[in-house]
Every structure is written in structure tokens, then in C-alpha cells.
PDB file of N, CA and C in Angstrom:
ATOM      1  N   MET A   1      63.543  48.620  35.954  1.00  0.00           N
ATOM      2  CA  MET A   1      62.796  48.144  35.048  1.00  0.00           C
ATOM      3  C   MET A   1      62.526  49.548  33.891  1.00  0.00           C
ATOM      4  N   PRO A   2      62.636  49.007  32.371  1.00  0.00           N
ATOM      5  CA  PRO A   2      62.348  49.968  31.518  1.00  0.00           C
ATOM      6  C   PRO A   2      60.663  50.319  31.450  1.00  0.00           C
ATOM      7  N   ARG A   3      60.579  51.492  30.914  1.00  0.00           N
ATOM      8  CA  ARG A   3      59.131  52.189  30.828  1.00  0.00           C
ATOM      9  C   ARG A   3      59.251  52.373  29.570  1.00  0.00           C
ATOM     10  N   PHE A   4      57.719  51.836  28.997  1.00  0.00           N
ATOM     11  CA  PHE A   4      57.375  51.982  27.666  1.00  0.00           C
ATOM     12  C   PHE A   4      56.319  52.752  26.976  1.00  0.00           C
ATOM     13  N   LEU A   5      56.154  53.438  26.033  1.00  0.00           N
ATOM     14  CA  LEU A   5      54.785  54.151  25.832  1.00  0.00           C
ATOM     15  C   LEU A   5      54.280  53.747  24.743  1.00  0.00           C
ATOM     16  N   THR A   6      52.920  53.144  24.889  1.00  0.00           N
ATOM     17  CA  THR A   6      52.242  52.545  23.645  1.00  0.00           C
ATOM     18  C   THR A   6      51.329  53.903  23.163  1.00  0.00           C
ATOM     19  N   MET A   7      51.444  54.112  21.940  1.00  0.00           N
ATOM     20  CA  MET A   7      50.658  55.214  21.448  1.00  0.00           C
ATOM     21  C   MET A   7      49.569  54.143  20.293  1.00  0.00           C
ATOM     22  N   ILE A   8      48.299  54.763  20.791  1.00  0.00           N
ATOM     23  CA  ILE A   8      47.133  53.807  20.211  1.00  0.00           C
ATOM     24  C   ILE A   8      46.653  54.853  18.955  1.00  0.00           C
ATOM     25  N   ARG A   9      46.904  54.218  17.703  1.00  0.00           N
ATOM     26  CA  ARG A   9      46.445  54.694  16.580  1.00  0.00           C
ATOM     27  C   ARG A   9      45.281  54.553  15.992  1.00  0.00           C
ATOM     28  N   ILE A  10      44.439  55.373  15.580  1.00  0.00           N
ATOM     29  CA  ILE A  10      43.237  55.045  15.251  1.00  0.00           C
ATOM     30  C   ILE A  10      42.749  56.120  14.159  1.00  0.00           C
ATOM     31  N   ASP A  11      41.799  55.701  13.131  1.00  0.00           N
ATOM     32  CA  ASP A  11      41.255  56.556  12.008  1.00  0.00           C
ATOM     33  C   ASP A  11      40.210  57.052  12.611  1.00  0.00           C
ATOM     34  N   GLU A  12      40.100  58.305  13.222  1.00  0.00           N
ATOM     35  CA  GLU A  12      39.085  59.108  13.392  1.00  0.00           C
ATOM     36  C   GLU A  12      37.489  59.070  12.800  1.00  0.00           C
ATOM     37  N   GLN A  13      37.893  59.091  11.595  1.00  0.00           N
ATOM     38  CA  GLN A  13      36.612  59.015  10.543  1.00  0.00           C
ATOM     39  C   GLN A  13      35.766  57.869  10.810  1.00  0.00           C
ATOM     40  N   ASN A  14      36.648  56.518  11.271  1.00  0.00           N
ATOM     41  CA  ASN A  14      35.709  55.548  11.439  1.00  0.00           C
ATOM     42  C   ASN A  14      35.528  54.709  12.795  1.00  0.00           C
ATOM     43  N   VAL A  15      35.786  55.620  13.614  1.00  0.00           N
ATOM     44  CA  VAL A  15      34.995  55.351  14.875  1.00  0.00           C
ATOM     45  C   VAL A  15      33.435  55.321  15.050  1.00  0.00           C
ATOM     46  N   PRO A  16      32.870  54.303  15.466  1.00  0.00           N
ATOM     47  CA  PRO A  16      31.514  54.069  15.707  1.00  0.00           C
ATOM     48  C   PRO A  16      30.961  54.993  16.596  1.00  0.00           C
ATOM     49  N   ALA A  17      29.783  56.038  16.354  1.00  0.00           N
ATOM     50  CA  ALA A  17      29.269  56.975  16.940  1.00  0.00           C
ATOM     51  C   ALA A  17      28.940  56.822  18.198  1.00  0.00           C
ATOM     52  N   GLU A  18      28.319  55.225  18.128  1.00  0.00           N
ATOM     53  CA  GLU A  18      27.451  54.866  19.194  1.00  0.00           C
ATOM     54  C   GLU A  18      28.630  54.491  20.209  1.00  0.00           C
ATOM     55  N   GLY A  19      29.814  54.256  19.991  1.00  0.00           N
ATOM     56  CA  GLY A  19      30.911  53.973  20.964  1.00  0.00           C
ATOM     57  C   GLY A  19      31.120  52.496  20.830  1.00  0.00           C
ATOM     58  N   PRO A  20      31.847  51.872  21.737  1.00  0.00           N
ATOM     59  CA  PRO A  20      32.322  50.480  21.376  1.00  0.00           C
ATOM     60  C   PRO A  20      31.312  49.548  21.938  1.00  0.00           C
ATOM     61  N   GLY A  21      30.393  49.893  22.650  1.00  0.00           N
ATOM     62  CA  GLY A  21      29.431  48.981  23.476  1.00  0.00           C
ATOM     63  C   GLY A  21      29.884  48.203  24.541  1.00  0.00           C
ATOM     64  N   PRO A  22      28.969  47.749  25.273  1.00  0.00           N
ATOM     65  CA  PRO A  22      29.123  46.966  26.576  1.00  0.00           C
ATOM     66  C   PRO A  22      30.075  45.767  26.789  1.00  0.00           C
ATOM     67  N   GLU A  23      30.133  44.989  25.698  1.00  0.00           N
ATOM     68  CA  GLU A  23      31.084  43.886  25.742  1.00  0.00           C
ATOM     69  C   GLU A  23      32.141  44.190  25.629  1.00  0.00           C
ATOM     70  N   PHE A  24      32.763  45.240  24.715  1.00  0.00           N
ATOM     71  CA  PHE A  24      34.053  45.578  24.434  1.00  0.00           C
ATOM     72  C   PHE A  24      34.284  46.274  25.751  1.00  0.00           C
ATOM     73  N   GLU A  25      33.578  47.263  26.401  1.00  0.00           N
ATOM     74  CA  GLU A  25      33.907  47.597  27.674  1.00  0.00           C
ATOM     75  C   GLU A  25      34.238  46.741  28.506  1.00  0.00           C
ATOM     76  N   GLY A  26      33.641  45.753  28.977  1.00  0.00           N
ATOM     77  CA  GLY A  26      33.937  44.841  29.763  1.00  0.00           C
ATOM     78  C   GLY A  26      35.082  43.828  29.687  1.00  0.00           C
ATOM     79  N   ARG A  27      35.443  43.443  28.501  1.00  0.00           N
ATOM     80  CA  ARG A  27      36.556  42.990  28.325  1.00  0.00           C
ATOM     81  C   ARG A  27      37.857  43.953  28.348  1.00  0.00           C
ATOM     82  N   MET A  28      37.636  45.077  28.369  1.00  0.00           N
ATOM     83  CA  MET A  28      38.645  46.218  28.390  1.00  0.00           C
ATOM     84  C   MET A  28      38.930  46.624  30.136  1.00  0.00           C
ATOM     85  N   ALA A  29      37.606  46.360  30.759  1.00  0.00           N
ATOM     86  CA  ALA A  29      38.205  46.357  32.228  1.00  0.00           C
ATOM     87  C   ALA A  29      38.506  45.354  32.906  1.00  0.00           C
ATOM     88  N   GLU A  30      38.385  44.001  32.144  1.00  0.00           N
ATOM     89  CA  GLU A  30      38.996  43.187  32.663  1.00  0.00           C
ATOM     90  C   GLU A  30      40.775  42.978  32.461  1.00  0.00           C
ATOM     91  N   LEU A  31      40.985  43.499  31.290  1.00  0.00           N
ATOM     92  CA  LEU A  31      42.459  43.408  30.933  1.00  0.00           C
ATOM     93  C   LEU A  31      43.029  44.553  31.520  1.00  0.00           C
ATOM     94  N   LEU A  32      42.245  45.724  32.028  1.00  0.00           N
ATOM     95  CA  LEU A  32      43.127  46.789  32.806  1.00  0.00           C
ATOM     96  C   LEU A  32      43.228  46.468  34.058  1.00  0.00           C
ATOM     97  N   GLU A  33      42.105  45.420  34.640  1.00  0.00           N
ATOM     98  CA  GLU A  33      42.347  45.138  36.076  1.00  0.00           C
ATOM     99  C   GLU A  33      43.556  44.533  36.028  1.00  0.00           C
ATOM    100  N   GLU A  34      43.655  43.659  35.140  1.00  0.00           N
ATOM    101  CA  GLU A  34      44.908  42.252  35.220  1.00  0.00           C
ATOM    102  C   GLU A  34      46.192  43.017  34.885  1.00  0.00           C
ATOM    103  N   ILE A  35      46.347  43.958  34.209  1.00  0.00           N
ATOM    104  CA  ILE A  35      47.453  44.590  33.849  1.00  0.00           C
ATOM    105  C   ILE A  35      47.919  45.503  35.086  1.00  0.00           C
ATOM    106  N   THR A  36      46.890  45.970  35.668  1.00  0.00           N
ATOM    107  CA  THR A  36      47.004  46.906  36.871  1.00  0.00           C
ATOM    108  C   THR A  36      47.438  46.100  38.217  1.00  0.00           C
ATOM    109  N   LYS A  37      46.854  44.767  38.255  1.00  0.00           N
ATOM    110  CA  LYS A  37      47.318  43.752  39.356  1.00  0.00           C
ATOM    111  C   LYS A  37      48.613  43.471  39.245  1.00  0.00           C
ATOM    112  N   ALA A  38      49.368  43.177  37.931  1.00  0.00           N
ATOM    113  CA  ALA A  38      50.512  42.552  37.503  1.00  0.00           C
ATOM    114  C   ALA A  38      51.415  43.681  37.920  1.00  0.00           C
ATOM    115  N   GLY A  39      51.155  45.101  38.200  1.00  0.00           N
ATOM    116  CA  GLY A  39      52.175  46.070  38.569  1.00  0.00           C
ATOM    117  C   GLY A  39      52.837  46.823  37.221  1.00  0.00           C
ATOM    118  N   VAL A  40      52.161  46.372  35.883  1.00  0.00           N
ATOM    119  CA  VAL A  40      52.919  47.008  34.802  1.00  0.00           C
ATOM    120  C   VAL A  40      52.182  48.291  34.568  1.00  0.00           C
ATOM    121  N   MET A  41      51.087  48.258  34.731  1.00  0.00           N
ATOM    122  CA  MET A  41      50.293  49.425  34.070  1.00  0.00           C
ATOM    123  C   MET A  41      50.808  51.060  35.045  1.00  0.00           C
ATOM    124  N   LEU A  42      51.272  51.794  34.358  1.00  0.00           N
ATOM    125  CA  LEU A  42      51.416  53.222  35.081  1.00  0.00           C
ATOM    126  C   LEU A  42      50.474  54.111  34.858  1.00  0.00           C
ATOM    127  N   ASP A  43      50.206  54.474  33.540  1.00  0.00           N
ATOM    128  CA  ASP A  43      49.359  55.260  33.311  1.00  0.00           C
ATOM    129  C   ASP A  43      48.550  54.941  32.012  1.00  0.00           C
ATOM    130  N   THR A  44      47.422  55.083  31.846  1.00  0.00           N
ATOM    131  CA  THR A  44      46.556  55.003  30.389  1.00  0.00           C
ATOM    132  C   THR A  44      45.163  56.093  30.311  1.00  0.00           C
ATOM    133  N   ALA A  45      44.913  56.253  28.965  1.00  0.00           N
ATOM    134  CA  ALA A  45      43.773  57.224  28.922  1.00  0.00           C
ATOM    135  C   ALA A  45      43.686  57.220  27.306  1.00  0.00           C
ATOM    136  N   GLY A  46      42.337  57.667  27.080  1.00  0.00           N
ATOM    137  CA  GLY A  46      41.867  57.808  25.636  1.00  0.00           C
ATOM    138  C   GLY A  46      41.922  59.506  25.457  1.00  0.00           C
ATOM    139  N   LEU A  47      42.179  60.126  24.588  1.00  0.00           N
ATOM    140  CA  LEU A  47      42.394  61.531  23.934  1.00  0.00           C
ATOM    141  C   LEU A  47      41.180  61.874  23.476  1.00  0.00           C
ATOM    142  N   THR A  48      40.836  63.168  23.519  1.00  0.00           N
ATOM    143  CA  THR A  48      39.716  64.003  23.249  1.00  0.00           C
ATOM    144  C   THR A  48      40.100  64.128  21.175  1.00  0.00           C
ATOM    145  N   PRO A  49      39.249  63.993  20.509  1.00  0.00           N
ATOM    146  CA  PRO A  49      39.099  64.245  19.000  1.00  0.00           C
ATOM    147  C   PRO A  49      40.334  65.236  18.761  1.00  0.00           C
ATOM    148  N   THR A  50      40.771  65.320  17.367  1.00  0.00           N
ATOM    149  CA  THR A  50      41.845  66.199  17.251  1.00  0.00           C
ATOM    150  C   THR A  50      40.936  67.386  16.953  1.00  0.00           C
ATOM    151  N   SER A  51      39.532  67.535  16.618  1.00  0.00           N
ATOM    152  CA  SER A  51      38.644  68.911  16.722  1.00  0.00           C
ATOM    153  C   SER A  51      39.134  69.719  17.855  1.00  0.00           C
ATOM    154  N   GLU A  52      39.323  68.950  18.867  1.00  0.00           N
ATOM    155  CA  GLU A  52      39.362  69.856  20.326  1.00  0.00           C
ATOM    156  C   GLU A  52      41.081  69.861  20.173  1.00  0.00           C
ATOM    157  N   GLY A  53      41.839  69.568  19.344  1.00  0.00           N
ATOM    158  CA  GLY A  53      43.232  69.822  19.843  1.00  0.00           C
ATOM    159  C   GLY A  53      43.802  70.934  19.102  1.00  0.00           C
ATOM    160  N   THR A  54      45.152  71.409  19.185  1.00  0.00           N
ATOM    161  CA  THR A  54      45.945  72.083  18.480  1.00  0.00           C
ATOM    162  C   THR A  54      47.542  71.660  18.528  1.00  0.00           C
ATOM    163  N   ARG A  55      47.750  72.049  17.193  1.00  0.00           N
ATOM    164  CA  ARG A  55      49.390  71.323  16.886  1.00  0.00           C
ATOM    165  C   ARG A  55      50.190  72.896  16.861  1.00  0.00           C
ATOM    166  N   VAL A  56      51.317  72.605  17.594  1.00  0.00           N
ATOM    167  CA  VAL A  56      52.194  73.854  17.745  1.00  0.00           C
ATOM    168  C   VAL A  56      53.295  73.033  16.826  1.00  0.00           C
ATOM    169  N   THR A  57      54.108  74.016  15.804  1.00  0.00           N
ATOM    170  CA  THR A  57      55.161  73.589  15.015  1.00  0.00           C
ATOM    171  C   THR A  57      56.547  74.582  15.182  1.00  0.00           C
ATOM    172  N   TRP A  58      57.702  74.299  15.375  1.00  0.00           N
ATOM    173  CA  TRP A  58      58.545  75.155  15.096  1.00  0.00           C
ATOM    174  C   TRP A  58      59.282  75.139  14.055  1.00  0.00           C
ATOM    175  N   SER A  59      59.350  75.984  13.133  1.00  0.00           N
ATOM    176  CA  SER A  59      59.876  76.191  11.932  1.00  0.00           C
ATOM    177  C   SER A  59      60.376  77.381  11.309  1.00  0.00           C
ATOM    178  N   GLU A  60      61.656  77.469  10.841  1.00  0.00           N
ATOM    179  CA  GLU A  60      62.529  78.596  10.180  1.00  0.00           C
ATOM    180  C   GLU A  60      62.402  79.840  11.553  1.00  0.00           C
ATOM    181  N   GLY A  61      62.362  79.078  12.544  1.00  0.00           N
ATOM    182  CA  GLY A  61      62.798  80.318  13.739  1.00  0.00           C
ATOM    183  C   GLY A  61      61.371  80.859  14.326  1.00  0.00           C
ATOM    184  N   LYS A  62      60.268  80.373  13.812  1.00  0.00           N
ATOM    185  CA  LYS A  62      58.975  81.006  14.165  1.00  0.00           C
ATOM    186  C   LYS A  62      58.149  79.588  14.575  1.00  0.00           C
ATOM    187  N   LEU A  63      56.904  80.100  15.590  1.00  0.00           N
ATOM    188  CA  LEU A  63      56.020  79.190  15.822  1.00  0.00           C
ATOM    189  C   LEU A  63      54.731  79.276  15.058  1.00  0.00           C
ATOM    190  N   HIS A  64      54.279  77.981  14.704  1.00  0.00           N
ATOM    191  CA  HIS A  64      52.762  77.935  13.979  1.00  0.00           C
ATOM    192  C   HIS A  64      52.005  76.910  14.880  1.00  0.00           C
ATOM    193  N   TRP A  65      50.961  77.627  14.969  1.00  0.00           N
ATOM    194  CA  TRP A  65      49.812  77.111  15.584  1.00  0.00           C
ATOM    195  C   TRP A  65      48.491  76.652  14.372  1.00  0.00           C
ATOM    196  N   THR A  66      48.297  75.561  14.914  1.00  0.00           N
ATOM    197  CA  THR A  66      47.128  74.790  13.798  1.00  0.00           C
ATOM    198  C   THR A  66      46.089  74.176  14.666  1.00  0.00           C
ATOM    199  N   ASP A  67      44.602  74.881  14.530  1.00  0.00           N
ATOM    200  CA  ASP A  67      43.935  74.126  15.380  1.00  0.00           C
ATOM    201  C   ASP A  67      43.217  72.908  14.328  1.00  0.00           C
ATOM    202  N   GLY A  68      42.874  72.164  15.488  1.00  0.00           N
ATOM    203  CA  GLY A  68      42.165  70.771  14.728  1.00  0.00           C
ATOM    204  C   GLY A  68      40.944  71.301  14.251  1.00  0.00           C
ATOM    205  N   PRO A  69      40.081  70.179  13.536  1.00  0.00           N
ATOM    206  CA  PRO A  69      40.656  68.839  13.069  1.00  0.00           C
ATOM    207  C   PRO A  69      41.787  68.630  11.976  1.00  0.00           C
ATOM    208  N   PHE A  70      42.299  67.840  12.346  1.00  0.00           N
ATOM    209  CA  PHE A  70      43.501  67.638  11.287  1.00  0.00           C
ATOM    210  C   PHE A  70      43.169  66.676  10.276  1.00  0.00           C
ATOM    211  N   THR A  71      42.541  67.019   9.293  1.00  0.00           N
ATOM    212  CA  THR A  71      41.840  66.210   8.255  1.00  0.00           C
ATOM    213  C   THR A  71      42.702  65.640   7.609  1.00  0.00           C
ATOM    214  N   GLU A  72      43.983  66.070   7.354  1.00  0.00           N
ATOM    215  CA  GLU A  72      45.152  65.185   6.320  1.00  0.00           C
ATOM    216  C   GLU A  72      45.672  64.001   6.946  1.00  0.00           C
ATOM    217  N   SER A  73      45.466  64.054   8.136  1.00  0.00           N
ATOM    218  CA  SER A  73      46.032  62.901   8.732  1.00  0.00           C
ATOM    219  C   SER A  73      44.871  61.790   8.900  1.00  0.00           C
ATOM    220  N   LYS A  74      45.232  60.414   8.245  1.00  0.00           N
ATOM    221  CA  LYS A  74      44.295  59.644   8.381  1.00  0.00           C
ATOM    222  C   LYS A  74      44.142  58.582   9.650  1.00  0.00           C
ATOM    223  N   GLU A  75      45.634  58.751   9.986  1.00  0.00           N
ATOM    224  CA  GLU A  75      45.795  57.698  11.679  1.00  0.00           C
ATOM    225  C   GLU A  75      45.981  58.949  12.524  1.00  0.00           C
ATOM    226  N   VAL A  76      45.387  59.029  13.525  1.00  0.00           N
ATOM    227  CA  VAL A  76      45.692  59.875  14.698  1.00  0.00           C
ATOM    228  C   VAL A  76      46.074  59.050  16.043  1.00  0.00           C
ATOM    229  N   ILE A  77      46.653  59.698  16.850  1.00  0.00           N
ATOM    230  CA  ILE A  77      46.793  58.821  18.281  1.00  0.00           C
ATOM    231  C   ILE A  77      45.667  59.355  18.958  1.00  0.00           C
ATOM    232  N   GLY A  78      44.874  58.257  19.480  1.00  0.00           N
ATOM    233  CA  GLY A  78      43.517  58.235  20.141  1.00  0.00           C
ATOM    234  C   GLY A  78      43.767  57.880  21.762  1.00  0.00           C
ATOM    235  N   GLY A  79      45.070  57.361  21.883  1.00  0.00           N
ATOM    236  CA  GLY A  79      45.139  57.058  23.353  1.00  0.00           C
ATOM    237  C   GLY A  79      46.633  56.489  23.577  1.00  0.00           C
ATOM    238  N   TYR A  80      46.738  56.259  24.754  1.00  0.00           N
ATOM    239  CA  TYR A  80      48.256  56.029  25.148  1.00  0.00           C
ATOM    240  C   TYR A  80      48.205  55.114  26.274  1.00  0.00           C
ATOM    241  N   ALA A  81      49.282  54.155  26.447  1.00  0.00           N
ATOM    242  CA  ALA A  81      49.433  53.631  27.843  1.00  0.00           C
ATOM    243  C   ALA A  81      50.738  53.835  28.079  1.00  0.00           C
ATOM    244  N   LEU A  82      51.027  53.808  29.355  1.00  0.00           N
ATOM    245  CA  LEU A  82      52.411  53.979  29.896  1.00  0.00           C
ATOM    246  C   LEU A  82      52.661  53.161  30.533  1.00  0.00           C
ATOM    247  N   THR A  83      53.512  51.932  30.528  1.00  0.00           N
ATOM    248  CA  THR A  83      53.723  50.621  31.142  1.00  0.00           C
ATOM    249  C   THR A  83      55.160  50.504  31.565  1.00  0.00           C
ATOM    250  N   GLN A  84      55.488  49.654  32.641  1.00  0.00           N
ATOM    251  CA  GLN A  84      57.161  49.328  33.090  1.00  0.00           C
ATOM    252  C   GLN A  84      57.011  47.806  33.100  1.00  0.00           C
ATOM    253  N   CYS A  85      58.038  47.655  32.050  1.00  0.00           N
ATOM    254  CA  CYS A  85      57.827  46.166  31.723  1.00  0.00           C
ATOM    255  C   CYS A  85      59.151  45.479  32.040  1.00  0.00           C
ATOM    256  N   LYS A  86      59.543  44.151  32.001  1.00  0.00           N
ATOM    257  CA  LYS A  86      60.797  43.721  32.409  1.00  0.00           C
ATOM    258  C   LYS A  86      61.840  43.824  30.729  1.00  0.00           C
ATOM    259  N   ASP A  87      60.861  43.846  29.880  1.00  0.00           N
ATOM    260  CA  ASP A  87      61.820  43.850  28.616  1.00  0.00           C
ATOM    261  C   ASP A  87      60.653  44.355  27.341  1.00  0.00           C
ATOM    262  N   LYS A  88      61.126  44.394  26.241  1.00  0.00           N
ATOM    263  CA  LYS A  88      60.146  44.774  25.164  1.00  0.00           C
ATOM    264  C   LYS A  88      59.145  43.627  24.878  1.00  0.00           C
ATOM    265  N   ALA A  89      59.755  42.330  24.934  1.00  0.00           N
ATOM    266  CA  ALA A  89      58.784  41.228  24.763  1.00  0.00           C
ATOM    267  C   ALA A  89      57.824  41.440  25.568  1.00  0.00           C
ATOM    268  N   GLU A  90      57.684  41.707  26.961  1.00  0.00           N
ATOM    269  CA  GLU A  90      56.588  41.782  27.676  1.00  0.00           C
ATOM    270  C   GLU A  90      55.619  42.984  27.381  1.00  0.00           C
ATOM    271  N   ALA A  91      56.293  44.132  26.868  1.00  0.00           N
ATOM    272  CA  ALA A  91      55.366  44.908  26.659  1.00  0.00           C
ATOM    273  C   ALA A  91      54.252  45.011  25.089  1.00  0.00           C
ATOM    274  N   LEU A  92      55.242  43.985  24.363  1.00  0.00           N
ATOM    275  CA  LEU A  92      54.473  43.857  23.463  1.00  0.00           C
ATOM    276  C   LEU A  92      53.729  42.923  23.246  1.00  0.00           C
ATOM    277  N   GLU A  93      53.874  41.615  24.189  1.00  0.00           N
ATOM    278  CA  GLU A  93      52.538  40.632  24.923  1.00  0.00           C
ATOM    279  C   GLU A  93      51.398  41.695  25.101  1.00  0.00           C
ATOM    280  N   TRP A  94      51.621  42.497  26.310  1.00  0.00           N
ATOM    281  CA  TRP A  94      50.375  43.305  26.870  1.00  0.00           C
ATOM    282  C   TRP A  94      49.786  43.776  25.477  1.00  0.00           C
ATOM    283  N   THR A  95      50.478  44.779  24.716  1.00  0.00           N
ATOM    284  CA  THR A  95      50.109  45.607  23.587  1.00  0.00           C
ATOM    285  C   THR A  95      49.237  44.502  22.598  1.00  0.00           C
ATOM    286  N   LYS A  96      49.916  43.199  22.455  1.00  0.00           N
ATOM    287  CA  LYS A  96      49.055  42.118  21.529  1.00  0.00           C
ATOM    288  C   LYS A  96      47.683  41.934  22.270  1.00  0.00           C
ATOM    289  N   ARG A  97      47.411  41.735  23.575  1.00  0.00           N
ATOM    290  CA  ARG A  97      46.232  41.126  24.060  1.00  0.00           C
ATOM    291  C   ARG A  97      45.396  42.431  24.200  1.00  0.00           C
ATOM    292  N   PHE A  98      45.962  43.895  24.615  1.00  0.00           N
ATOM    293  CA  PHE A  98      45.172  44.779  24.274  1.00  0.00           C
ATOM    294  C   PHE A  98      44.499  45.079  22.889  1.00  0.00           C
ATOM    295  N   LEU A  99      45.041  44.726  21.949  1.00  0.00           N
ATOM    296  CA  LEU A  99      44.661  45.076  20.296  1.00  0.00           C
ATOM    297  C   LEU A  99      43.672  43.785  19.875  1.00  0.00           C
ATOM    298  N   GLN A 100      43.784  42.559  20.547  1.00  0.00           N
ATOM    299  CA  GLN A 100      42.936  41.744  20.357  1.00  0.00           C
ATOM    300  C   GLN A 100      41.526  41.643  20.931  1.00  0.00           C
ATOM    301  N   ILE A 101      41.387  42.468  21.912  1.00  0.00           N
ATOM    302  CA  ILE A 101      40.202  42.437  22.553  1.00  0.00           C
ATOM    303  C   ILE A 101      39.120  43.399  21.819  1.00  0.00           C
ATOM    304  N   HIS A 102      39.519  44.081  20.666  1.00  0.00           N
ATOM    305  CA  HIS A 102      38.822  45.170  20.155  1.00  0.00           C
ATOM    306  C   HIS A 102      38.152  44.288  18.781  1.00  0.00           C
ATOM    307  N   PRO A 103      37.122  44.923  18.528  1.00  0.00           N
ATOM    308  CA  PRO A 103      36.000  44.398  17.371  1.00  0.00           C
ATOM    309  C   PRO A 103      36.974  43.890  15.991  1.00  0.00           C
ATOM    310  N   GLU A 104      36.523  43.054  15.085  1.00  0.00           N
ATOM    311  CA  GLU A 104      37.277  42.741  14.298  1.00  0.00           C
ATOM    312  C   GLU A 104      37.467  43.610  13.297  1.00  0.00           C
ATOM    313  N   HIS A 105      36.276  44.273  13.014  1.00  0.00           N
ATOM    314  CA  HIS A 105      36.111  45.458  11.853  1.00  0.00           C
ATOM    315  C   HIS A 105      36.734  46.531  12.084  1.00  0.00           C
ATOM    316  N   LEU A 106      37.164  47.020  13.622  1.00  0.00           N
ATOM    317  CA  LEU A 106      38.034  48.104  13.574  1.00  0.00           C
ATOM    318  C   LEU A 106      39.607  47.830  13.035  1.00  0.00           C
ATOM    319  N   THR A 107      40.243  49.060  12.792  1.00  0.00           N
ATOM    320  CA  THR A 107      41.627  48.813  12.500  1.00  0.00           C
ATOM    321  C   THR A 107      42.138  49.721  13.568  1.00  0.00           C
ATOM    322  N   VAL A 108      43.163  48.881  14.385  1.00  0.00           N
ATOM    323  CA  VAL A 108      43.676  49.955  15.414  1.00  0.00           C
ATOM    324  C   VAL A 108      44.849  49.456  15.519  1.00  0.00           C
ATOM    325  N   THR A 109      46.047  50.595  15.549  1.00  0.00           N
ATOM    326  CA  THR A 109      47.425  50.204  15.397  1.00  0.00           C
ATOM    327  C   THR A 109      48.119  50.705  16.889  1.00  0.00           C
ATOM    328  N   ALA A 110      48.980  49.838  17.349  1.00  0.00           N
ATOM    329  CA  ALA A 110      49.464  50.526  18.555  1.00  0.00           C
ATOM    330  C   ALA A 110      51.484  50.681  18.243  1.00  0.00           C
ATOM    331  N   GLU A 111      51.765  51.432  18.385  1.00  0.00           N
ATOM    332  CA  GLU A 111      53.171  51.880  18.380  1.00  0.00           C
ATOM    333  C   GLU A 111      53.753  51.745  19.661  1.00  0.00           C
ATOM    334  N   VAL A 112      54.723  50.816  20.028  1.00  0.00           N
ATOM    335  CA  VAL A 112      55.320  50.542  21.497  1.00  0.00           C
ATOM    336  C   VAL A 112      56.784  51.118  21.069  1.00  0.00           C
ATOM    337  N   ARG A 113      57.120  52.351  22.216  1.00  0.00           N
ATOM    338  CA  ARG A 113      58.494  52.676  22.036  1.00  0.00           C
ATOM    339  C   ARG A 113      58.965  52.755  23.632  1.00  0.00           C
ATOM    340  N   GLU A 114      60.277  52.163  23.592  1.00  0.00           N
ATOM    341  CA  GLU A 114      61.072  52.457  24.973  1.00  0.00           C
ATOM    342  C   GLU A 114      61.218  53.727  25.411  1.00  0.00           C
ATOM    343  N   ILE A 115      60.994  54.231  26.585  1.00  0.00           N
ATOM    344  CA  ILE A 115      61.254  55.428  27.095  1.00  0.00           C
ATOM    345  C   ILE A 115      62.522  55.794  27.216  1.00  0.00           C
ATOM    346  N   ALA A 116      63.297  56.630  26.694  1.00  0.00           N
ATOM    347  CA  ALA A 116      65.034  56.572  27.123  1.00  0.00           C
ATOM    348  C   ALA A 116      65.219  57.356  28.200  1.00  0.00           C
ATOM    349  N   GLU A 117      65.563  56.648  29.073  1.00  0.00           N
ATOM    350  CA  GLU A 117      65.954  56.950  30.665  1.00  0.00           C
ATOM    351  C   GLU A 117      67.382  57.629  30.727  1.00  0.00           C
ATOM    352  N   GLY A 118      67.546  58.920  31.062  1.00  0.00           N
ATOM    353  CA  GLY A 118      69.007  59.756  31.229  1.00  0.00           C
ATOM    354  C   GLY A 118      69.919  58.936  31.210  1.00  0.00           C
TER     355      GLY A 118
END
């Protein structure tokens, strides 16, 4: 079965400081339990803020290092999910359900990409 990487893109500047709240956390826990029991979820996690990250670029034969935060980026990858689904349609269905549990006032984007297997 193919594997898919879903990258969750967020606007770091608009994430509530107080966190998502217990209602959201409960809905997320239920969905993660369901997707795990279905044998689809391989791994998932949120990422630390860009202020704690470093970008490494290879350009013109040299490495360049840039410490965060990356203020020039409106959207950053805030988390990921690695799933194993029967096809892209199933991966998109789980992604849709994941996005729909978020509060309406947030903008969250998910990019779903199949992993190229040798």
C-alpha cells in the first residue's frame, strides 16, 4: 500500500498563544485513535516554532545556514502525518476529517504527497 506524507501548513503569527483548547484536543484525540485503529497512521507530530529551527541551503557550491524565525514565510510547516492508505482518495479523506476538526477561525492548509517508493 502506498504511503503519504501530509504536511500541515500554518501561519505561525496567527496561532493562539493560549493553545487550541480542551474541546479541540478531545476531537483530535478521537480522530487519532480512529485513524490508528484503522491501521493508517504510521507517525504524526507537531513541530517546534521556526524560531527554534535552522534552514540549510546548498547554493553555488556552498552551504548557507539561516537560523529562525523565518519571518519572510507566511506559511510554515507546523506538523506532519505519515500514513499508509489504499490510495490517494483515502489519504485525502483522512486529511479532510483532520482539517474539519479545527476551529473555523483558523486557516490550516494540508499538502498531501505520495512517497515515491524505489
